[in-house]
Amino acid sequence: MVHLTHSEKILSFVSFCIEEYKTRCGTDGGRTADLFERFAVLDYLVEHYEVLHSLGREAILADIERFIEARREQK
């Protein structure tokens, strides 16, 4: 059994979020990563990892969408 460090778990979670979001939106990983960077989604995912990683896929993606929409409205 492979034991991941806390940092590796967070990195794996962020990667999962990018992959799932790009699939949901029908875009590529680079564009999704750019979007996440532009709206500070990556920081949000890392900061709230402890709560977010315990949610299901749909709840995580819905939360990311709400977060991005809220950031868009601020700009």
PDB file of N, CA and C in Angstrom:
ATOM      1  N   MET A   1       0.845  -1.180   0.000  1.00  0.00           N
ATOM      2  CA  MET A   1       0.000   0.000   0.000  1.00  0.00           C
ATOM      3  C   MET A   1       0.889   1.241   0.000  1.00  0.00           C
ATOM      4  N   VAL A   2       0.523   2.186  -0.843  1.00  0.00           N
ATOM      5  CA  VAL A   2       1.276   3.423  -0.955  1.00  0.00           C
ATOM      6  C   VAL A   2       0.688   4.436   0.026  1.00  0.00           C
ATOM      7  N   HIS A   3       1.555   5.055   0.798  1.00  0.00           N
ATOM      8  CA  HIS A   3       1.132   6.087   1.734  1.00  0.00           C
ATOM      9  C   HIS A   3       1.563   7.442   1.182  1.00  0.00           C
ATOM     10  N   LEU A   4       0.579   8.304   0.973  1.00  0.00           N
ATOM     11  CA  LEU A   4       0.867   9.633   0.453  1.00  0.00           C
ATOM     12  C   LEU A   4       1.026  10.619   1.601  1.00  0.00           C
ATOM     13  N   THR A   5       1.881  11.597   1.383  1.00  0.00           N
ATOM     14  CA  THR A   5       1.999  12.687   2.351  1.00  0.00           C
ATOM     15  C   THR A   5       0.760  13.573   2.223  1.00  0.00           C
ATOM     16  N   HIS A   6       0.555  14.430   3.186  1.00  0.00           N
ATOM     17  CA  HIS A   6      -0.581  15.354   3.137  1.00  0.00           C
ATOM     18  C   HIS A   6      -0.506  16.224   1.878  1.00  0.00           C
ATOM     19  N   SER A   7       0.670  16.702   1.560  1.00  0.00           N
ATOM     20  CA  SER A   7       0.861  17.523   0.352  1.00  0.00           C
ATOM     21  C   SER A   7       0.523  16.744  -0.914  1.00  0.00           C
ATOM     22  N   GLU A   8       0.906  15.498  -0.960  1.00  0.00           N
ATOM     23  CA  GLU A   8       0.593  14.663  -2.126  1.00  0.00           C
ATOM     24  C   GLU A   8      -0.907  14.411  -2.245  1.00  0.00           C
ATOM     25  N   LYS A   9      -1.581  14.265  -1.118  1.00  0.00           N
ATOM     26  CA  LYS A   9      -3.037  14.091  -1.133  1.00  0.00           C
ATOM     27  C   LYS A   9      -3.713  15.339  -1.677  1.00  0.00           C
ATOM     28  N   ILE A  10      -3.245  16.506  -1.250  1.00  0.00           N
ATOM     29  CA  ILE A  10      -3.818  17.761  -1.738  1.00  0.00           C
ATOM     30  C   ILE A  10      -3.571  17.900  -3.244  1.00  0.00           C
ATOM     31  N   LEU A  11      -2.360  17.624  -3.671  1.00  0.00           N
ATOM     32  CA  LEU A  11      -2.025  17.697  -5.095  1.00  0.00           C
ATOM     33  C   LEU A  11      -2.894  16.749  -5.912  1.00  0.00           C
ATOM     34  N   SER A  12      -3.099  15.558  -5.412  1.00  0.00           N
ATOM     35  CA  SER A  12      -3.947  14.587  -6.090  1.00  0.00           C
ATOM     36  C   SER A  12      -5.390  15.092  -6.178  1.00  0.00           C
ATOM     37  N   PHE A  13      -5.879  15.695  -5.110  1.00  0.00           N
ATOM     38  CA  PHE A  13      -7.233  16.246  -5.088  1.00  0.00           C
ATOM     39  C   PHE A  13      -7.382  17.382  -6.095  1.00  0.00           C
ATOM     40  N   VAL A  14      -6.429  18.288  -6.126  1.00  0.00           N
ATOM     41  CA  VAL A  14      -6.474  19.410  -7.066  1.00  0.00           C
ATOM     42  C   VAL A  14      -6.451  18.891  -8.501  1.00  0.00           C
ATOM     43  N   SER A  15      -5.619  17.908  -8.759  1.00  0.00           N
ATOM     44  CA  SER A  15      -5.551  17.300 -10.087  1.00  0.00           C
ATOM     45  C   SER A  15      -6.895  16.668 -10.459  1.00  0.00           C
ATOM     46  N   PHE A  16      -7.491  15.969  -9.506  1.00  0.00           N
ATOM     47  CA  PHE A  16      -8.814  15.383  -9.708  1.00  0.00           C
ATOM     48  C   PHE A  16      -9.820  16.465 -10.088  1.00  0.00           C
ATOM     49  N   CYS A  17      -9.807  17.573  -9.364  1.00  0.00           N
ATOM     50  CA  CYS A  17     -10.751  18.667  -9.623  1.00  0.00           C
ATOM     51  C   CYS A  17     -10.567  19.244 -11.019  1.00  0.00           C
ATOM     52  N   ILE A  18      -9.321  19.445 -11.422  1.00  0.00           N
ATOM     53  CA  ILE A  18      -9.044  19.959 -12.762  1.00  0.00           C
ATOM     54  C   ILE A  18      -9.562  18.987 -13.820  1.00  0.00           C
ATOM     55  N   GLU A  19      -9.268  17.713 -13.657  1.00  0.00           N
ATOM     56  CA  GLU A  19      -9.687  16.705 -14.637  1.00  0.00           C
ATOM     57  C   GLU A  19     -11.210  16.596 -14.711  1.00  0.00           C
ATOM     58  N   GLU A  20     -11.865  16.571 -13.574  1.00  0.00           N
ATOM     59  CA  GLU A  20     -13.317  16.450 -13.560  1.00  0.00           C
ATOM     60  C   GLU A  20     -13.996  17.699 -14.116  1.00  0.00           C
ATOM     61  N   TYR A  21     -13.473  18.861 -13.780  1.00  0.00           N
ATOM     62  CA  TYR A  21     -14.055  20.111 -14.263  1.00  0.00           C
ATOM     63  C   TYR A  21     -13.890  20.233 -15.773  1.00  0.00           C
ATOM     64  N   LYS A  22     -12.718  19.880 -16.289  1.00  0.00           N
ATOM     65  CA  LYS A  22     -12.489  19.968 -17.742  1.00  0.00           C
ATOM     66  C   LYS A  22     -13.400  19.002 -18.485  1.00  0.00           C
ATOM     67  N   THR A  23     -13.602  17.833 -17.934  1.00  0.00           N
ATOM     68  CA  THR A  23     -14.502  16.863 -18.561  1.00  0.00           C
ATOM     69  C   THR A  23     -15.928  17.391 -18.550  1.00  0.00           C
ATOM     70  N   ARG A  24     -16.344  17.951 -17.429  1.00  0.00           N
ATOM     71  CA  ARG A  24     -17.703  18.489 -17.310  1.00  0.00           C
ATOM     72  C   ARG A  24     -17.944  19.625 -18.308  1.00  0.00           C
ATOM     73  N   CYS A  25     -16.923  20.465 -18.504  1.00  0.00           N
ATOM     74  CA  CYS A  25     -17.068  21.632 -19.370  1.00  0.00           C
ATOM     75  C   CYS A  25     -16.665  21.369 -20.809  1.00  0.00           C
ATOM     76  N   GLY A  26     -16.107  20.210 -21.088  1.00  0.00           N
ATOM     77  CA  GLY A  26     -15.701  19.865 -22.443  1.00  0.00           C
ATOM     78  C   GLY A  26     -14.538  20.697 -22.951  1.00  0.00           C
ATOM     79  N   THR A  27     -13.606  21.022 -22.066  1.00  0.00           N
ATOM     80  CA  THR A  27     -12.443  21.810 -22.440  1.00  0.00           C
ATOM     81  C   THR A  27     -11.185  21.003 -22.155  1.00  0.00           C
ATOM     82  N   ASP A  28     -10.036  21.597 -22.391  1.00  0.00           N
ATOM     83  CA  ASP A  28      -8.789  20.879 -22.122  1.00  0.00           C
ATOM     84  C   ASP A  28      -8.213  21.286 -20.767  1.00  0.00           C
ATOM     85  N   GLY A  29      -7.227  20.532 -20.330  1.00  0.00           N
ATOM     86  CA  GLY A  29      -6.629  20.764 -19.019  1.00  0.00           C
ATOM     87  C   GLY A  29      -5.956  22.116 -18.887  1.00  0.00           C
ATOM     88  N   GLY A  30      -5.311  22.569 -19.956  1.00  0.00           N
ATOM     89  CA  GLY A  30      -4.631  23.860 -19.921  1.00  0.00           C
ATOM     90  C   GLY A  30      -5.599  25.010 -19.716  1.00  0.00           C
ATOM     91  N   ARG A  31      -6.708  24.972 -20.433  1.00  0.00           N
ATOM     92  CA  ARG A  31      -7.712  26.037 -20.284  1.00  0.00           C
ATOM     93  C   ARG A  31      -8.344  26.001 -18.895  1.00  0.00           C
ATOM     94  N   THR A  32      -8.585  24.811 -18.405  1.00  0.00           N
ATOM     95  CA  THR A  32      -9.158  24.683 -17.063  1.00  0.00           C
ATOM     96  C   THR A  32      -8.171  25.184 -16.022  1.00  0.00           C
ATOM     97  N   ALA A  33      -6.909  24.819 -16.152  1.00  0.00           N
ATOM     98  CA  ALA A  33      -5.890  25.294 -15.214  1.00  0.00           C
ATOM     99  C   ALA A  33      -5.777  26.817 -15.263  1.00  0.00           C
ATOM    100  N   ASP A  34      -5.861  27.399 -16.463  1.00  0.00           N
ATOM    101  CA  ASP A  34      -5.825  28.863 -16.601  1.00  0.00           C
ATOM    102  C   ASP A  34      -7.016  29.511 -15.905  1.00  0.00           C
ATOM    103  N   LEU A  35      -8.191  28.932 -16.099  1.00  0.00           N
ATOM    104  CA  LEU A  35      -9.401  29.444 -15.453  1.00  0.00           C
ATOM    105  C   LEU A  35      -9.276  29.355 -13.933  1.00  0.00           C
ATOM    106  N   PHE A  36      -8.794  28.221 -13.454  1.00  0.00           N
ATOM    107  CA  PHE A  36      -8.619  28.037 -12.014  1.00  0.00           C
ATOM    108  C   PHE A  36      -7.605  29.036 -11.462  1.00  0.00           C
ATOM    109  N   GLU A  37      -6.569  29.296 -12.219  1.00  0.00           N
ATOM    110  CA  GLU A  37      -5.555  30.268 -11.778  1.00  0.00           C
ATOM    111  C   GLU A  37      -6.135  31.683 -11.773  1.00  0.00           C
ATOM    112  N   ARG A  38      -6.848  32.037 -12.825  1.00  0.00           N
ATOM    113  CA  ARG A  38      -7.413  33.386 -12.950  1.00  0.00           C
ATOM    114  C   ARG A  38      -8.374  33.722 -11.814  1.00  0.00           C
ATOM    115  N   PHE A  39      -9.158  32.752 -11.391  1.00  0.00           N
ATOM    116  CA  PHE A  39     -10.140  32.994 -10.342  1.00  0.00           C
ATOM    117  C   PHE A  39      -9.706  32.464  -8.973  1.00  0.00           C
ATOM    118  N   ALA A  40      -8.443  32.095  -8.844  1.00  0.00           N
ATOM    119  CA  ALA A  40      -7.861  31.622  -7.579  1.00  0.00           C
ATOM    120  C   ALA A  40      -8.551  30.367  -7.047  1.00  0.00           C
ATOM    121  N   VAL A  41      -9.036  29.541  -7.952  1.00  0.00           N
ATOM    122  CA  VAL A  41      -9.679  28.293  -7.548  1.00  0.00           C
ATOM    123  C   VAL A  41      -8.660  27.353  -6.910  1.00  0.00           C
ATOM    124  N   LEU A  42      -7.450  27.354  -7.435  1.00  0.00           N
ATOM    125  CA  LEU A  42      -6.418  26.479  -6.871  1.00  0.00           C
ATOM    126  C   LEU A  42      -6.172  26.799  -5.401  1.00  0.00           C
ATOM    127  N   ASP A  43      -6.064  28.081  -5.087  1.00  0.00           N
ATOM    128  CA  ASP A  43      -5.873  28.488  -3.689  1.00  0.00           C
ATOM    129  C   ASP A  43      -7.061  28.060  -2.840  1.00  0.00           C
ATOM    130  N   TYR A  44      -8.264  28.231  -3.384  1.00  0.00           N
ATOM    131  CA  TYR A  44      -9.482  27.852  -2.681  1.00  0.00           C
ATOM    132  C   TYR A  44      -9.492  26.346  -2.389  1.00  0.00           C
ATOM    133  N   LEU A  45      -9.152  25.546  -3.387  1.00  0.00           N
ATOM    134  CA  LEU A  45      -9.153  24.098  -3.211  1.00  0.00           C
ATOM    135  C   LEU A  45      -8.148  23.654  -2.156  1.00  0.00           C
ATOM    136  N   VAL A  46      -6.981  24.259  -2.169  1.00  0.00           N
ATOM    137  CA  VAL A  46      -5.958  23.909  -1.177  1.00  0.00           C
ATOM    138  C   VAL A  46      -6.402  24.355   0.214  1.00  0.00           C
ATOM    139  N   GLU A  47      -6.896  25.578   0.315  1.00  0.00           N
ATOM    140  CA  GLU A  47      -7.294  26.126   1.611  1.00  0.00           C
ATOM    141  C   GLU A  47      -8.439  25.327   2.247  1.00  0.00           C
ATOM    142  N   HIS A  48      -9.350  24.851   1.421  1.00  0.00           N
ATOM    143  CA  HIS A  48     -10.534  24.160   1.933  1.00  0.00           C
ATOM    144  C   HIS A  48     -10.509  22.656   1.662  1.00  0.00           C
ATOM    145  N   TYR A  49      -9.329  22.130   1.441  1.00  0.00           N
ATOM    146  CA  TYR A  49      -9.167  20.708   1.132  1.00  0.00           C
ATOM    147  C   TYR A  49      -9.845  19.810   2.156  1.00  0.00           C
ATOM    148  N   GLU A  50      -9.662  20.085   3.420  1.00  0.00           N
ATOM    149  CA  GLU A  50     -10.162  19.195   4.474  1.00  0.00           C
ATOM    150  C   GLU A  50     -11.670  18.980   4.362  1.00  0.00           C
ATOM    151  N   VAL A  51     -12.405  19.997   3.993  1.00  0.00           N
ATOM    152  CA  VAL A  51     -13.852  19.864   3.836  1.00  0.00           C
ATOM    153  C   VAL A  51     -14.196  19.330   2.448  1.00  0.00           C
ATOM    154  N   LEU A  52     -13.615  19.928   1.429  1.00  0.00           N
ATOM    155  CA  LEU A  52     -13.998  19.611   0.053  1.00  0.00           C
ATOM    156  C   LEU A  52     -13.714  18.167  -0.339  1.00  0.00           C
ATOM    157  N   HIS A  53     -12.590  17.620   0.101  1.00  0.00           N
ATOM    158  CA  HIS A  53     -12.249  16.267  -0.349  1.00  0.00           C
ATOM    159  C   HIS A  53     -13.193  15.206   0.200  1.00  0.00           C
ATOM    160  N   SER A  54     -13.958  15.573   1.211  1.00  0.00           N
ATOM    161  CA  SER A  54     -14.901  14.615   1.788  1.00  0.00           C
ATOM    162  C   SER A  54     -16.253  14.620   1.072  1.00  0.00           C
ATOM    163  N   LEU A  55     -16.436  15.559   0.141  1.00  0.00           N
ATOM    164  CA  LEU A  55     -17.687  15.648  -0.610  1.00  0.00           C
ATOM    165  C   LEU A  55     -17.652  14.729  -1.822  1.00  0.00           C
ATOM    166  N   GLY A  56     -18.797  14.491  -2.385  1.00  0.00           N
ATOM    167  CA  GLY A  56     -18.890  13.717  -3.618  1.00  0.00           C
ATOM    168  C   GLY A  56     -18.500  14.562  -4.823  1.00  0.00           C
ATOM    169  N   ARG A  57     -18.268  13.892  -5.917  1.00  0.00           N
ATOM    170  CA  ARG A  57     -17.836  14.543  -7.160  1.00  0.00           C
ATOM    171  C   ARG A  57     -18.768  15.687  -7.563  1.00  0.00           C
ATOM    172  N   GLU A  58     -20.064  15.432  -7.612  1.00  0.00           N
ATOM    173  CA  GLU A  58     -21.022  16.452  -8.042  1.00  0.00           C
ATOM    174  C   GLU A  58     -21.025  17.656  -7.106  1.00  0.00           C
ATOM    175  N   ALA A  59     -20.939  17.413  -5.821  1.00  0.00           N
ATOM    176  CA  ALA A  59     -20.921  18.514  -4.854  1.00  0.00           C
ATOM    177  C   ALA A  59     -19.656  19.352  -4.999  1.00  0.00           C
ATOM    178  N   ILE A  60     -18.534  18.705  -5.250  1.00  0.00           N
ATOM    179  CA  ILE A  60     -17.276  19.427  -5.444  1.00  0.00           C
ATOM    180  C   ILE A  60     -17.366  20.305  -6.690  1.00  0.00           C
ATOM    181  N   LEU A  61     -17.840  19.727  -7.788  1.00  0.00           N
ATOM    182  CA  LEU A  61     -17.937  20.487  -9.034  1.00  0.00           C
ATOM    183  C   LEU A  61     -18.938  21.638  -8.911  1.00  0.00           C
ATOM    184  N   ALA A  62     -20.043  21.411  -8.246  1.00  0.00           N
ATOM    185  CA  ALA A  62     -21.017  22.483  -8.035  1.00  0.00           C
ATOM    186  C   ALA A  62     -20.412  23.601  -7.186  1.00  0.00           C
ATOM    187  N   ASP A  63     -19.639  23.237  -6.191  1.00  0.00           N
ATOM    188  CA  ASP A  63     -18.990  24.238  -5.345  1.00  0.00           C
ATOM    189  C   ASP A  63     -17.982  25.055  -6.149  1.00  0.00           C
ATOM    190  N   ILE A  64     -17.203  24.394  -6.993  1.00  0.00           N
ATOM    191  CA  ILE A  64     -16.242  25.095  -7.845  1.00  0.00           C
ATOM    192  C   ILE A  64     -16.981  26.058  -8.775  1.00  0.00           C
ATOM    193  N   GLU A  65     -18.072  25.614  -9.364  1.00  0.00           N
ATOM    194  CA  GLU A  65     -18.842  26.485 -10.260  1.00  0.00           C
ATOM    195  C   GLU A  65     -19.379  27.705  -9.522  1.00  0.00           C
ATOM    196  N   ARG A  66     -19.898  27.516  -8.316  1.00  0.00           N
ATOM    197  CA  ARG A  66     -20.391  28.650  -7.511  1.00  0.00           C
ATOM    198  C   ARG A  66     -19.257  29.602  -7.172  1.00  0.00           C
ATOM    199  N   PHE A  67     -18.103  29.045  -6.833  1.00  0.00           N
ATOM    200  CA  PHE A  67     -16.948  29.862  -6.478  1.00  0.00           C
ATOM    201  C   PHE A  67     -16.511  30.721  -7.669  1.00  0.00           C
ATOM    202  N   ILE A  68     -16.403  30.109  -8.842  1.00  0.00           N
ATOM    203  CA  ILE A  68     -15.999  30.849 -10.040  1.00  0.00           C
ATOM    204  C   ILE A  68     -17.022  31.927 -10.366  1.00  0.00           C
ATOM    205  N   GLU A  69     -18.303  31.596 -10.307  1.00  0.00           N
ATOM    206  CA  GLU A  69     -19.346  32.574 -10.605  1.00  0.00           C
ATOM    207  C   GLU A  69     -19.277  33.755  -9.634  1.00  0.00           C
ATOM    208  N   ALA A  70     -19.059  33.491  -8.372  1.00  0.00           N
ATOM    209  CA  ALA A  70     -18.939  34.566  -7.381  1.00  0.00           C
ATOM    210  C   ALA A  70     -17.734  35.452  -7.695  1.00  0.00           C
ATOM    211  N   ARG A  71     -16.625  34.856  -8.105  1.00  0.00           N
ATOM    212  CA  ARG A  71     -15.430  35.626  -8.467  1.00  0.00           C
ATOM    213  C   ARG A  71     -15.664  36.449  -9.719  1.00  0.00           C
ATOM    214  N   ARG A  72     -16.376  35.904 -10.687  1.00  0.00           N
ATOM    215  CA  ARG A  72     -16.701  36.646 -11.914  1.00  0.00           C
ATOM    216  C   ARG A  72     -17.521  37.898 -11.585  1.00  0.00           C
ATOM    217  N   GLU A  73     -18.462  37.747 -10.682  1.00  0.00           N
ATOM    218  CA  GLU A  73     -19.315  38.875 -10.299  1.00  0.00           C
ATOM    219  C   GLU A  73     -18.537  39.973  -9.575  1.00  0.00           C
ATOM    220  N   GLN A  74     -17.448  39.611  -8.924  1.00  0.00           N
ATOM    221  CA  GLN A  74     -16.624  40.588  -8.210  1.00  0.00           C
ATOM    222  C   GLN A  74     -15.801  41.430  -9.153  1.00  0.00           C
ATOM    223  N   LYS A  75     -15.521  40.920 -10.356  1.00  0.00           N
ATOM    224  CA  LYS A  75     -14.642  41.622 -11.292  1.00  0.00           C
ATOM    225  C   LYS A  75     -15.392  42.585 -12.140  1.00  0.00           C
TER     226      LYS A  75
END
